[in-house]
Amino acid sequence: MKAEEHIYPYTLSDFSNHNAIVLAPHPDDESIGCGGSIVKHTRAGSRVRVIFLTKGGRGDFEGRFGEDYLNIRLDCARKALGILGVKEYEFWEYKDRELVSAEKEIAGKLFQVVKDFSPSIIYAPSPFEIHPDHRAAFSFAWNLIRNMPLHLLLYETLVPLFPDTLVNITDEWQYKKRAVESYWTELYYNNYSGKVEGLNRYRTATLSKEVLYAEAFLSADAGVLSKDTLQSKLLHSAISFHSFDALQH
């Protein structure tokens, strides 16, 4: 029988000295999923570029914010990035919930951005997420690391992970919270701030009491599916379930 620490992380990781690209399907995913880690990167002097794949145009379910909604959400994103210390970002403006239809175009653009930016790490949603744009964003990142030497860190937003990596964001929590709360139109529909706080507090369960907040990730590289870990087997199952083409590569 495997020891606990060989199944679930009991120690912390720190990637702050590496340059990173963050794939955000919608404005707010970057803050919810890895906002604390982004702050660690920027405070360490590392470069971070956030790519918003869509404007999140279908987020105003009741039409409460009218024609100004998209501009408001983009302004919220800029404010959040300022809080996180991010100076480099791109709005690609693909249609919300339709990313998969632009797969080839996005893959080409992403390849070029990564080639020019030369990050060590790419953050992306996990394949366990339920939103189609989140799953599509995972697919883009997954195909990318099959062809480029990148370390992929999969973050959690709506669906929790079974992680293999924990990052201490105790000192960064106040910035993450403010960034999430910058998206006030999204908080009108859902208390993301309170829920992500509960999740990040829960992620400290296997850590020392001095760690008050942590972000969880599932790490991956080109050889991850051959590893004999529970995380690898779960990842393989998710990729197979969603029939991602990359599983066959």
Protein backbone atom coordinates (compact mmCIF):
# COMPACT_ATOMS: atom_id res chain seq x y z
CA MET A 1 0.00 0.00 0.00
CA LYS A 2 1.34 3.41 -0.96
CA ALA A 3 2.12 5.98 1.75
CA GLU A 4 -0.10 9.05 1.97
CA GLU A 5 2.55 11.41 0.65
CA HIS A 6 2.86 9.29 -2.50
CA ILE A 7 -0.84 9.77 -3.21
CA TYR A 8 -1.50 13.37 -2.24
CA PRO A 9 0.90 16.32 -1.70
CA TYR A 10 2.05 17.05 1.84
CA THR A 11 4.70 19.54 0.78
CA LEU A 12 4.72 22.85 -1.07
CA SER A 13 5.99 23.78 -4.52
CA ASP A 14 7.20 27.18 -5.71
CA PHE A 15 7.39 28.15 -9.38
CA SER A 16 7.74 31.88 -8.86
CA ASN A 17 11.16 32.15 -10.52
CA HIS A 18 9.80 30.90 -13.84
CA ASN A 19 8.16 32.90 -16.62
CA ALA A 20 4.60 31.77 -17.30
CA ILE A 21 1.68 32.00 -19.67
CA VAL A 22 -1.83 31.78 -18.26
CA LEU A 23 -4.67 30.56 -20.47
CA ALA A 24 -7.95 32.01 -19.25
CA PRO A 25 -11.08 30.97 -21.16
CA HIS A 26 -12.92 33.97 -19.69
CA PRO A 27 -11.95 37.07 -17.73
CA ASP A 28 -11.90 35.97 -14.05
CA ASP A 29 -10.62 32.40 -14.59
CA GLU A 30 -7.03 33.58 -14.16
CA SER A 31 -7.81 35.13 -10.78
CA ILE A 32 -9.98 32.29 -9.49
CA GLY A 33 -7.74 29.47 -10.70
CA CYS A 34 -4.21 30.74 -10.13
CA GLY A 35 -4.36 34.36 -8.97
CA GLY A 36 -2.17 33.72 -5.94
CA SER A 37 0.47 31.96 -8.01
CA ILE A 38 0.42 34.79 -10.54
CA VAL A 39 1.25 37.23 -7.73
CA LYS A 40 4.13 34.99 -6.63
CA HIS A 41 5.54 35.15 -10.16
CA THR A 42 5.18 38.90 -10.55
CA ARG A 43 6.54 39.69 -7.07
CA ALA A 44 9.59 37.53 -7.86
CA GLY A 45 10.22 39.57 -10.98
CA SER A 46 9.19 36.83 -13.42
CA ARG A 47 7.21 37.60 -16.55
CA VAL A 48 3.58 36.55 -16.79
CA ARG A 49 1.40 36.88 -19.85
CA VAL A 50 -2.33 36.25 -19.49
CA ILE A 51 -4.27 35.26 -22.60
CA PHE A 52 -8.03 35.73 -22.41
CA LEU A 53 -9.47 33.44 -25.05
CA THR A 54 -12.96 35.00 -24.95
CA LYS A 55 -14.58 38.13 -23.55
CA GLY A 56 -17.02 35.99 -21.55
CA GLY A 57 -19.89 37.52 -23.48
CA ARG A 58 -22.53 35.08 -22.26
CA GLY A 59 -21.91 35.68 -18.57
CA ASP A 60 -24.71 38.20 -18.12
CA PHE A 61 -27.44 35.57 -17.90
CA GLU A 62 -30.25 37.98 -17.06
CA GLY A 63 -29.13 40.83 -19.30
CA ARG A 64 -28.80 43.01 -16.22
CA PHE A 65 -25.79 44.98 -17.50
CA GLY A 66 -27.03 45.57 -21.03
CA GLU A 67 -24.83 46.58 -23.94
CA ASP A 68 -22.08 47.79 -21.62
CA TYR A 69 -21.48 44.31 -20.18
CA LEU A 70 -18.51 43.34 -22.36
CA ASN A 71 -16.71 46.63 -21.83
CA ILE A 72 -17.35 46.40 -18.10
CA ARG A 73 -15.94 42.90 -17.96
CA LEU A 74 -12.81 43.88 -19.87
CA ASP A 75 -12.31 46.85 -17.55
CA CYS A 76 -12.69 44.48 -14.61
CA ALA A 77 -10.03 42.22 -16.14
CA ARG A 78 -7.58 45.09 -16.50
CA LYS A 79 -8.17 46.09 -12.89
CA ALA A 80 -7.68 42.51 -11.69
CA LEU A 81 -4.44 42.14 -13.65
CA GLY A 82 -3.16 45.38 -12.16
CA ILE A 83 -3.77 43.98 -8.69
CA LEU A 84 -1.99 40.76 -9.61
CA GLY A 85 0.96 42.70 -11.01
CA VAL A 86 0.47 41.51 -14.59
CA LYS A 87 1.62 43.91 -17.30
CA GLU A 88 1.41 41.61 -20.32
CA TYR A 89 -1.96 40.36 -21.51
CA GLU A 90 -3.98 39.72 -24.64
CA PHE A 91 -7.70 39.61 -25.39
CA TRP A 92 -8.27 37.18 -28.26
CA GLU A 93 -12.04 37.77 -28.32
CA TYR A 94 -13.30 34.42 -29.57
CA LYS A 95 -16.98 33.70 -28.98
CA ASP A 96 -18.00 32.51 -25.53
CA ARG A 97 -18.83 28.77 -25.45
CA GLU A 98 -17.53 28.32 -29.01
CA LEU A 99 -13.77 27.97 -28.57
CA VAL A 100 -13.70 24.46 -29.97
CA SER A 101 -14.90 25.76 -33.34
CA ALA A 102 -11.71 27.85 -33.65
CA GLU A 103 -9.37 25.10 -32.48
CA LYS A 104 -6.90 25.18 -35.38
CA GLU A 105 -6.63 28.95 -35.44
CA ILE A 106 -6.14 29.18 -31.68
CA ALA A 107 -3.57 26.38 -31.70
CA GLY A 108 -1.53 28.23 -34.30
CA LYS A 109 -1.68 31.54 -32.44
CA LEU A 110 -0.81 29.90 -29.13
CA PHE A 111 2.17 28.10 -30.63
CA GLN A 112 3.54 31.38 -31.94
CA VAL A 113 3.00 33.22 -28.65
CA VAL A 114 4.78 30.49 -26.70
CA LYS A 115 7.62 30.43 -29.22
CA ASP A 116 8.10 34.19 -28.90
CA PHE A 117 7.56 34.45 -25.13
CA SER A 118 9.55 31.31 -24.18
CA PRO A 119 7.83 30.50 -20.87
CA SER A 120 8.77 27.57 -18.66
CA ILE A 121 5.21 27.11 -17.40
CA ILE A 122 1.74 27.31 -18.84
CA TYR A 123 -1.33 27.45 -16.61
CA ALA A 124 -4.61 26.13 -18.02
CA PRO A 125 -7.94 24.72 -16.82
CA SER A 126 -8.17 21.00 -16.17
CA PRO A 127 -10.12 18.47 -18.28
CA PHE A 128 -12.32 17.85 -15.24
CA GLU A 129 -14.00 21.21 -15.75
CA ILE A 130 -17.55 21.17 -17.12
CA HIS A 131 -17.66 24.41 -19.13
CA PRO A 132 -16.92 23.66 -22.81
CA ASP A 133 -14.49 26.59 -23.10
CA HIS A 134 -12.51 25.34 -20.12
CA ARG A 135 -12.22 21.88 -21.63
CA ALA A 136 -11.24 23.40 -24.96
CA ALA A 137 -8.54 25.50 -23.29
CA PHE A 138 -7.15 22.36 -21.69
CA SER A 139 -7.05 20.69 -25.09
CA PHE A 140 -5.07 23.60 -26.58
CA ALA A 141 -2.52 23.46 -23.76
CA TRP A 142 -2.32 19.68 -23.78
CA ASN A 143 -1.59 19.52 -27.49
CA LEU A 144 1.01 22.24 -27.02
CA ILE A 145 3.07 20.39 -24.41
CA ARG A 146 3.08 17.32 -26.61
CA ASN A 147 5.25 19.30 -29.02
CA MET A 148 7.09 21.81 -26.82
CA PRO A 149 9.16 21.40 -23.62
CA LEU A 150 6.73 23.09 -21.24
CA HIS A 151 5.53 22.34 -17.74
CA LEU A 152 1.73 22.41 -17.63
CA LEU A 153 -0.04 23.32 -14.39
CA LEU A 154 -3.77 22.63 -14.49
CA TYR A 155 -5.85 24.83 -12.21
CA GLU A 156 -9.31 24.44 -10.70
CA THR A 157 -12.26 26.82 -10.98
CA LEU A 158 -15.71 25.21 -10.94
CA VAL A 159 -14.58 21.60 -10.40
CA PRO A 160 -11.97 20.65 -7.76
CA LEU A 161 -8.93 18.61 -8.74
CA PHE A 162 -7.23 15.60 -7.23
CA PRO A 163 -3.93 17.52 -7.24
CA ASP A 164 -0.28 16.58 -7.04
CA THR A 165 0.96 20.13 -6.45
CA LEU A 166 0.21 22.71 -3.74
CA VAL A 167 1.42 26.32 -3.69
CA ASN A 168 1.38 28.47 -0.56
CA ILE A 169 -0.50 31.70 -1.29
CA THR A 170 -0.95 32.89 2.29
CA ASP A 171 0.98 36.11 1.65
CA GLU A 172 -0.67 36.56 -1.74
CA TRP A 173 -4.24 35.85 -0.69
CA GLN A 174 -5.24 39.48 -0.16
CA TYR A 175 -4.27 40.28 -3.76
CA LYS A 176 -6.08 37.26 -5.15
CA LYS A 177 -9.22 38.12 -3.21
CA ARG A 178 -9.17 41.71 -4.48
CA ALA A 179 -8.61 40.52 -8.03
CA VAL A 180 -11.55 38.10 -7.89
CA GLU A 181 -13.74 40.82 -6.39
CA SER A 182 -12.79 43.17 -9.22
CA TYR A 183 -15.19 41.14 -11.36
CA TRP A 184 -18.24 42.66 -9.73
CA THR A 185 -20.57 41.74 -12.57
CA GLU A 186 -19.72 38.05 -12.09
CA LEU A 187 -20.11 38.32 -8.32
CA TYR A 188 -23.65 39.57 -8.89
CA TYR A 189 -24.51 36.05 -10.10
CA ASN A 190 -22.22 33.96 -7.90
CA ASN A 191 -20.18 34.51 -4.75
CA TYR A 192 -16.92 33.37 -6.32
CA SER A 193 -14.89 35.26 -3.74
CA GLY A 194 -16.34 33.34 -0.82
CA LYS A 195 -16.24 30.00 -2.59
CA VAL A 196 -12.66 30.26 -3.79
CA GLU A 197 -11.64 31.35 -0.29
CA GLY A 198 -13.17 28.16 1.10
CA LEU A 199 -11.44 26.06 -1.54
CA ASN A 200 -8.03 27.66 -1.01
CA ARG A 201 -8.34 27.28 2.75
CA TYR A 202 -9.33 23.63 2.36
CA ARG A 203 -6.25 22.99 0.24
CA THR A 204 -4.08 23.54 3.33
CA ALA A 205 -5.45 20.39 5.04
CA THR A 206 -2.22 18.43 4.56
CA LEU A 207 0.07 21.39 5.25
CA SER A 208 1.39 23.05 8.40
CA LYS A 209 -0.92 25.35 10.34
CA GLU A 210 1.11 28.39 9.28
CA VAL A 211 -0.17 27.93 5.71
CA LEU A 212 -3.59 29.59 5.63
CA TYR A 213 -4.27 29.50 1.88
CA ALA A 214 -3.00 27.28 -0.92
CA GLU A 215 -3.72 26.75 -4.59
CA ALA A 216 -3.87 23.24 -5.98
CA PHE A 217 -2.68 22.10 -9.39
CA LEU A 218 -2.27 18.96 -11.42
CA SER A 219 1.12 19.03 -13.11
CA ALA A 220 1.72 17.53 -16.51
CA ASP A 221 4.35 17.14 -19.18
CA ALA A 222 4.61 15.05 -22.32
CA GLY A 223 5.24 11.85 -20.35
CA VAL A 224 2.67 12.27 -17.61
CA LEU A 225 0.29 9.56 -18.84
CA SER A 226 2.98 6.89 -18.45
CA LYS A 227 3.45 7.61 -14.74
CA ASP A 228 2.12 5.20 -12.13
CA THR A 229 0.18 7.72 -10.06
CA LEU A 230 -3.47 8.16 -9.25
CA GLN A 231 -3.37 11.66 -10.73
CA SER A 232 -2.00 10.31 -14.01
CA LYS A 233 -4.69 7.66 -14.23
CA LEU A 234 -7.43 10.20 -13.50
CA LEU A 235 -6.02 12.55 -16.12
CA HIS A 236 -5.89 9.72 -18.65
CA SER A 237 -9.52 8.85 -17.89
CA ALA A 238 -10.67 12.45 -18.33
CA ILE A 239 -8.84 12.83 -21.63
CA SER A 240 -10.29 9.55 -22.87
CA PHE A 241 -13.81 10.43 -21.68
CA HIS A 242 -13.80 13.71 -23.59
CA SER A 243 -12.20 12.06 -26.64
CA PHE A 244 -9.43 14.64 -26.90
CA ASP A 245 -7.46 13.91 -30.05
CA ALA A 246 -4.22 14.49 -28.18
CA LEU A 247 -4.58 11.15 -26.39
CA GLN A 248 -3.80 9.43 -29.67
CA HIS A 249 -0.68 11.49 -30.46
